[in-house]
C-alpha atoms as a PDB file:
ATOM      1  CA  MET A   1      75.326 137.147 109.007  1.00  0.00           C
ATOM      2  CA  GLU A   2      73.316 139.800 107.647  1.00  0.00           C
ATOM      3  CA  ARG A   3      71.456 142.235 110.274  1.00  0.00           C
ATOM      4  CA  ARG A   4      68.306 143.781 109.623  1.00  0.00           C
ATOM      5  CA  ASP A   5      67.502 147.032 109.724  1.00  0.00           C
ATOM      6  CA  TYR A   6      64.576 147.863 111.259  1.00  0.00           C
ATOM      7  CA  GLY A   7      65.017 151.831 111.084  1.00  0.00           C
ATOM      8  CA  GLU A   8      64.392 153.477 114.452  1.00  0.00           C
ATOM      9  CA  VAL A   9      62.535 151.807 117.969  1.00  0.00           C
ATOM     10  CA  PRO A  10      60.288 155.028 118.501  1.00  0.00           C
ATOM     11  CA  ASN A  11      59.829 155.968 122.047  1.00  0.00           C
ATOM     12  CA  GLU A  12      55.844 156.081 122.419  1.00  0.00           C
ATOM     13  CA  LEU A  13      53.372 153.530 122.841  1.00  0.00           C
ATOM     14  CA  GLU A  14      50.739 152.617 120.456  1.00  0.00           C
ATOM     15  CA  GLY A  15      48.348 151.017 122.866  1.00  0.00           C
ATOM     16  CA  ALA A  16      44.902 148.885 121.851  1.00  0.00           C
ATOM     17  CA  SER A  17      42.736 149.833 125.186  1.00  0.00           C
ATOM     18  CA  GLY A  18      39.728 147.978 125.474  1.00  0.00           C
ATOM     19  CA  TRP A  19      36.921 148.245 127.921  1.00  0.00           C
ATOM     20  CA  HIS A  20      33.393 146.514 128.874  1.00  0.00           C
ATOM     21  CA  CYS A  21      31.088 145.997 131.702  1.00  0.00           C
ATOM     22  CA  ALA A  22      32.443 144.652 135.209  1.00  0.00           C
ATOM     23  CA  ALA A  23      29.278 144.898 136.788  1.00  0.00           C
ATOM     24  CA  GLU A  24      25.532 143.858 136.141  1.00  0.00           C
ATOM     25  CA  PRO A  25      25.585 147.135 133.321  1.00  0.00           C
ATOM     26  CA  ARG A  26      21.786 148.805 134.462  1.00  0.00           C
ATOM     27  CA  ARG A  27      22.167 148.573 137.434  1.00  0.00           C
ATOM     28  CA  TRP A  28      25.748 150.989 137.013  1.00  0.00           C
ATOM     29  CA  LYS A  29      25.355 152.906 133.632  1.00  0.00           C
ATOM     30  CA  LYS A  30      24.146 155.933 135.241  1.00  0.00           C
ATOM     31  CA  ALA A  31      27.983 155.735 137.686  1.00  0.00           C
ATOM     32  CA  ILE A  32      29.457 154.741 134.911  1.00  0.00           C
ATOM     33  CA  LEU A  33      28.328 157.664 132.664  1.00  0.00           C
ATOM     34  CA  ALA A  34      28.367 160.211 135.648  1.00  0.00           C
ATOM     35  CA  ALA A  35      31.959 159.273 136.294  1.00  0.00           C
ATOM     36  CA  PHE A  36      33.312 159.831 132.048  1.00  0.00           C
ATOM     37  CA  ALA A  37      31.813 162.928 131.505  1.00  0.00           C
ATOM     38  CA  LYS A  38      33.185 164.378 134.522  1.00  0.00           C
ATOM     39  CA  TRP A  39      36.763 162.390 133.835  1.00  0.00           C
ATOM     40  CA  GLN A  40      39.326 164.124 130.841  1.00  0.00           C
ATOM     41  CA  ILE A  41      41.653 162.748 128.990  1.00  0.00           C
ATOM     42  CA  PRO A  42      45.391 162.722 129.707  1.00  0.00           C
ATOM     43  CA  ALA A  43      47.262 165.543 127.824  1.00  0.00           C
ATOM     44  CA  ASP A  44      50.222 163.206 127.797  1.00  0.00           C
ATOM     45  CA  GLN A  45      48.115 160.760 125.975  1.00  0.00           C
ATOM     46  CA  ASN A  46      46.332 161.186 122.005  1.00  0.00           C
ATOM     47  CA  TYR A  47      43.437 159.227 121.769  1.00  0.00           C
ATOM     48  CA  LYS A  48      43.922 157.716 117.839  1.00  0.00           C
ATOM     49  CA  GLU A  49      40.546 156.116 117.961  1.00  0.00           C
ATOM     50  CA  PHE A  50      37.540 155.758 120.937  1.00  0.00           C
ATOM     51  CA  LEU A  51      35.372 153.270 120.020  1.00  0.00           C
ATOM     52  CA  SER A  52      31.819 152.340 122.392  1.00  0.00           C
ATOM     53  CA  ARG A  53      30.741 149.074 121.344  1.00  0.00           C
ATOM     54  CA  ILE A  54      27.645 149.682 119.758  1.00  0.00           C
ATOM     55  CA  ASP A  55      25.857 147.497 122.547  1.00  0.00           C
ATOM     56  CA  GLY A  56      26.664 149.226 124.790  1.00  0.00           C
ATOM     57  CA  GLU A  57      29.094 146.509 127.218  1.00  0.00           C
ATOM     58  CA  GLY A  58      32.358 148.825 125.837  1.00  0.00           C
ATOM     59  CA  GLY A  59      34.149 149.899 123.484  1.00  0.00           C
ATOM     60  CA  PHE A  60      38.346 150.580 122.111  1.00  0.00           C
ATOM     61  CA  ALA A  61      40.437 153.072 122.315  1.00  0.00           C
ATOM     62  CA  VAL A  62      43.319 153.351 120.250  1.00  0.00           C
ATOM     63  CA  ILE A  63      46.763 155.476 122.683  1.00  0.00           C
ATOM     64  CA  ASP A  64      49.637 157.004 121.546  1.00  0.00           C
ATOM     65  CA  THR A  65      52.094 157.543 124.546  1.00  0.00           C
ATOM     66  CA  ASP A  66      55.138 158.515 125.927  1.00  0.00           C
ATOM     67  CA  ASN A  67      53.740 157.785 129.059  1.00  0.00           C
ATOM     68  CA  GLN A  68      52.878 154.645 129.637  1.00  0.00           C
ATOM     69  CA  ALA A  69      52.597 154.138 133.369  1.00  0.00           C
ATOM     70  CA  GLY A  70      49.386 157.207 132.612  1.00  0.00           C
ATOM     71  CA  LEU A  71      47.466 154.528 130.565  1.00  0.00           C
ATOM     72  CA  LEU A  72      47.041 153.915 134.632  1.00  0.00           C
ATOM     73  CA  ASP A  73      45.058 157.570 135.113  1.00  0.00           C
ATOM     74  CA  GLY A  74      41.702 155.583 133.167  1.00  0.00           C
ATOM     75  CA  VAL A  75      42.030 153.245 134.568  1.00  0.00           C
ATOM     76  CA  SER A  76      42.377 153.405 138.321  1.00  0.00           C
ATOM     77  CA  LYS A  77      39.389 155.585 138.088  1.00  0.00           C
ATOM     78  CA  PHE A  78      36.928 153.124 136.606  1.00  0.00           C
ATOM     79  CA  THR A  79      38.110 150.052 137.478  1.00  0.00           C
ATOM     80  CA  THR A  80      34.605 150.083 140.138  1.00  0.00           C
ATOM     81  CA  TRP A  81      32.623 149.159 136.543  1.00  0.00           C
ATOM     82  CA  LEU A  82      35.067 147.886 134.378  1.00  0.00           C
ATOM     83  CA  GLU A  83      37.218 145.076 133.079  1.00  0.00           C
ATOM     84  CA  PHE A  84      40.249 146.869 131.243  1.00  0.00           C
ATOM     85  CA  ASP A  85      42.610 145.248 129.099  1.00  0.00           C
ATOM     86  CA  ILE A  86      45.931 147.446 127.334  1.00  0.00           C
ATOM     87  CA  VAL A  87      47.385 146.092 124.324  1.00  0.00           C
ATOM     88  CA  PRO A  88      50.485 147.067 122.936  1.00  0.00           C
ATOM     89  CA  VAL A  89      50.341 147.326 119.283  1.00  0.00           C
ATOM     90  CA  VAL A  90      52.604 148.246 115.665  1.00  0.00           C
ATOM     91  CA  ASP A  91      51.221 148.458 112.619  1.00  0.00           C
ATOM     92  CA  ILE A  92      50.009 145.663 110.855  1.00  0.00           C
ATOM     93  CA  MET A  93      53.111 146.172 108.234  1.00  0.00           C
ATOM     94  CA  ASP A  94      55.529 147.020 110.871  1.00  0.00           C
ATOM     95  CA  GLY A  95      54.548 143.618 112.511  1.00  0.00           C
ATOM     96  CA  VAL A  96      54.657 141.204 109.655  1.00  0.00           C
ATOM     97  CA  SER A  97      58.163 141.783 108.890  1.00  0.00           C
ATOM     98  CA  VAL A  98      58.791 140.771 112.025  1.00  0.00           C
ATOM     99  CA  LEU A  99      57.232 137.647 112.011  1.00  0.00           C
ATOM    100  CA  ALA A 100      58.504 137.290 109.109  1.00  0.00           C
ATOM    101  CA  ALA A 101      62.688 137.488 110.590  1.00  0.00           C
ATOM    102  CA  GLY A 102      61.351 135.136 113.586  1.00  0.00           C
ATOM    103  CA  ALA A 103      59.476 132.559 111.190  1.00  0.00           C
ATOM    104  CA  ASP A 104      63.243 132.642 108.324  1.00  0.00           C
ATOM    105  CA  PHE A 105      65.026 132.811 112.290  1.00  0.00           C
ATOM    106  CA  ARG A 106      63.733 129.380 113.298  1.00  0.00           C
ATOM    107  CA  GLU A 107      63.125 127.787 110.270  1.00  0.00           C
ATOM    108  CA  SER A 108      67.107 128.366 110.563  1.00  0.00           C
ATOM    109  CA  VAL A 109      67.811 125.886 113.377  1.00  0.00           C
END
């Protein structure tokens, strides 16, 4: 069986984080904005993209980090007002390659 080389596996995690308002938005907007103004991006995180939803009800970030537990920083500070989804992601070409290998495997069984 030929073993495919997918290259070096990085220690770094790239994740997409999404959030939306958990509480009634109008009531909490000022509190969320005050907390955000005080919050600092942790030094061990590189925010490649930091986006706001146009409707003002949440946002998204693409974050590189070597410390996955550090992603709890934002969650722990904003959980009163926001709900988070943090999902590990890979470049589309890397993902397609692995998914194709999975399809080849399933067809071989």
